[in-house]
């Protein structure tokens, strides 16, 4: 009666992703967004290299949505409003570069966005509230 086209490993991935999201702190959720956006850009680069037009279009669209609707939408301006404005502008720049990559079948904008996302992800990981605090111990 009920049939599914999902492979058993896909079920595991879906359950794993749902569990990760439901148990994540707000900081971890942003890390998951960075990871998903980077993965989508890397998949798009591979699809572009191999001539897989459909996957390129799909994965660039996915990356655009994650950056615009996920990362950019999560920016808060509690502290320095200029920092939030700059970050929003950077996310807008990434979305426009992804559009250029899609329209012109160009890897250079994809490489740029992958680098920017990687840099932001690294910086975000450094400010993790879950990061252990190392006390200076002097003898």
Protein backbone atom coordinates (compact mmCIF):
# COMPACT_ATOMS: atom_id res chain seq x y z
CA UNK A 1 0.00 0.00 0.00
CA UNK A 2 2.73 2.47 0.98
CA UNK A 3 5.79 2.46 -1.18
CA UNK A 4 8.80 4.66 -0.89
CA UNK A 5 11.52 5.53 -3.32
CA UNK A 6 13.98 6.30 -0.52
CA UNK A 7 16.94 4.00 -0.13
CA UNK A 8 17.47 2.76 3.46
CA UNK A 9 20.58 4.95 3.82
CA UNK A 10 18.47 7.96 2.86
CA UNK A 11 16.12 7.16 5.74
CA UNK A 12 19.12 7.17 8.07
CA UNK A 13 20.32 10.52 6.69
CA UNK A 14 16.86 12.05 7.14
CA UNK A 15 16.57 10.82 10.73
CA UNK A 16 20.12 11.95 11.47
CA UNK A 17 19.47 15.42 10.04
CA UNK A 18 16.19 15.81 11.94
CA UNK A 19 17.86 14.72 15.17
CA UNK A 20 20.78 17.12 14.63
CA UNK A 21 18.46 20.06 14.06
CA UNK A 22 16.05 19.27 16.89
CA UNK A 23 18.86 18.93 19.43
CA UNK A 24 21.02 21.83 18.25
CA UNK A 25 21.60 25.11 20.03
CA UNK A 26 21.09 28.32 18.02
CA UNK A 27 24.87 28.48 17.51
CA UNK A 28 24.94 24.88 16.27
CA UNK A 29 22.03 25.58 13.90
CA UNK A 30 24.07 28.29 12.22
CA UNK A 31 26.98 25.83 11.95
CA UNK A 32 24.62 23.36 10.25
CA UNK A 33 23.58 26.10 7.82
CA UNK A 34 27.21 26.85 6.99
CA UNK A 35 27.92 23.15 6.49
CA UNK A 36 24.90 22.71 4.22
CA UNK A 37 25.71 25.81 2.15
CA UNK A 38 29.34 24.77 1.72
CA UNK A 39 28.28 21.25 0.73
CA UNK A 40 25.83 22.63 -1.84
CA UNK A 41 28.49 24.90 -3.36
CA UNK A 42 30.99 22.04 -3.54
CA UNK A 43 28.36 19.83 -5.21
CA UNK A 44 27.62 22.63 -7.67
CA UNK A 45 31.31 22.96 -8.51
CA UNK A 46 31.54 19.22 -9.16
CA UNK A 47 28.37 19.30 -11.27
CA UNK A 48 29.75 22.21 -13.29
CA UNK A 49 33.03 20.36 -13.82
CA UNK A 50 31.27 17.17 -14.96
CA UNK A 51 28.66 18.93 -17.10
CA UNK A 52 25.72 17.86 -14.93
CA UNK A 53 23.52 20.88 -15.67
CA UNK A 54 20.49 19.75 -13.63
CA UNK A 55 22.52 19.13 -10.47
CA UNK A 56 24.39 22.42 -10.94
CA UNK A 57 21.11 24.35 -11.12
CA UNK A 58 19.59 22.49 -8.17
CA UNK A 59 22.60 22.80 -5.88
CA UNK A 60 23.27 26.46 -6.67
CA UNK A 61 19.60 27.17 -5.93
CA UNK A 62 19.91 25.27 -2.67
CA UNK A 63 23.02 27.25 -1.70
CA UNK A 64 21.27 30.52 -2.56
CA UNK A 65 18.30 29.64 -0.36
CA UNK A 66 20.49 28.60 2.56
CA UNK A 67 22.54 31.80 2.39
CA UNK A 68 19.53 34.09 1.86
CA UNK A 69 16.78 32.44 3.89
CA UNK A 70 18.96 30.81 6.52
CA UNK A 71 22.23 32.59 7.19
CA UNK A 72 21.18 36.12 6.25
CA UNK A 73 17.84 35.77 8.01
CA UNK A 74 19.60 34.70 11.21
CA UNK A 75 21.71 37.87 11.48
CA UNK A 76 20.91 39.82 14.62
CA UNK A 77 22.09 43.32 15.42
CA UNK A 78 22.26 43.13 19.20
CA UNK A 79 25.73 44.62 19.38
CA UNK A 80 27.30 46.62 16.62
CA UNK A 81 24.68 47.45 13.94
CA UNK A 82 27.44 48.07 11.38
CA UNK A 83 28.67 44.49 11.82
CA UNK A 84 25.18 43.14 11.13
CA UNK A 85 24.81 45.40 8.07
CA UNK A 86 28.19 44.29 6.71
CA UNK A 87 27.33 40.64 7.23
CA UNK A 88 23.97 41.06 5.46
CA UNK A 89 25.77 42.81 2.59
CA UNK A 90 28.27 39.96 2.39
CA UNK A 91 25.44 37.40 2.24
CA UNK A 92 23.75 39.47 -0.51
CA UNK A 93 27.06 39.49 -2.40
CA UNK A 94 27.29 35.71 -2.10
CA UNK A 95 23.78 35.24 -3.47
CA UNK A 96 24.56 37.49 -6.43
CA UNK A 97 27.81 35.60 -7.12
CA UNK A 98 25.92 32.30 -7.01
CA UNK A 99 23.47 33.71 -9.55
CA UNK A 100 26.37 34.73 -11.80
CA UNK A 101 27.85 31.24 -11.50
CA UNK A 102 24.54 29.68 -12.48
CA UNK A 103 23.84 31.96 -15.43
CA UNK A 104 27.38 31.97 -16.84
CA UNK A 105 28.42 28.41 -15.93
CA UNK A 106 31.41 29.87 -14.13
CA UNK A 107 33.44 28.20 -11.39
CA UNK A 108 35.20 31.37 -10.19
CA UNK A 109 32.14 32.76 -8.33
CA UNK A 110 31.52 29.33 -6.80
CA UNK A 111 35.11 29.18 -5.56
CA UNK A 112 34.76 32.69 -4.11
CA UNK A 113 31.55 31.81 -2.27
CA UNK A 114 33.02 28.54 -0.97
CA UNK A 115 36.02 30.48 0.41
CA UNK A 116 33.83 33.14 2.02
CA UNK A 117 31.54 30.57 3.60
CA UNK A 118 34.53 28.62 4.87
CA UNK A 119 36.06 31.74 6.42
CA UNK A 120 32.77 32.70 8.09
CA UNK A 121 32.24 29.15 9.32
CA UNK A 122 35.71 29.11 10.89
CA UNK A 123 35.10 32.44 12.60
CA UNK A 124 31.69 31.26 13.84
CA UNK A 125 33.24 28.06 15.24
CA UNK A 126 35.82 30.14 17.11
CA UNK A 127 33.12 32.02 19.03
CA UNK A 128 31.22 28.90 19.99
CA UNK A 129 29.63 29.21 23.43
CA UNK A 130 30.27 25.46 23.78
CA UNK A 131 34.03 25.88 23.25
CA UNK A 132 36.04 24.89 26.34
CA UNK A 133 37.52 27.74 28.32
CA UNK A 134 41.20 27.22 29.01
CA UNK A 135 42.37 28.71 32.28
CA UNK A 136 45.92 29.93 32.58
CA UNK A 137 47.53 27.97 35.34
CA UNK A 138 50.75 29.29 36.77
CA UNK A 139 52.91 27.23 39.15
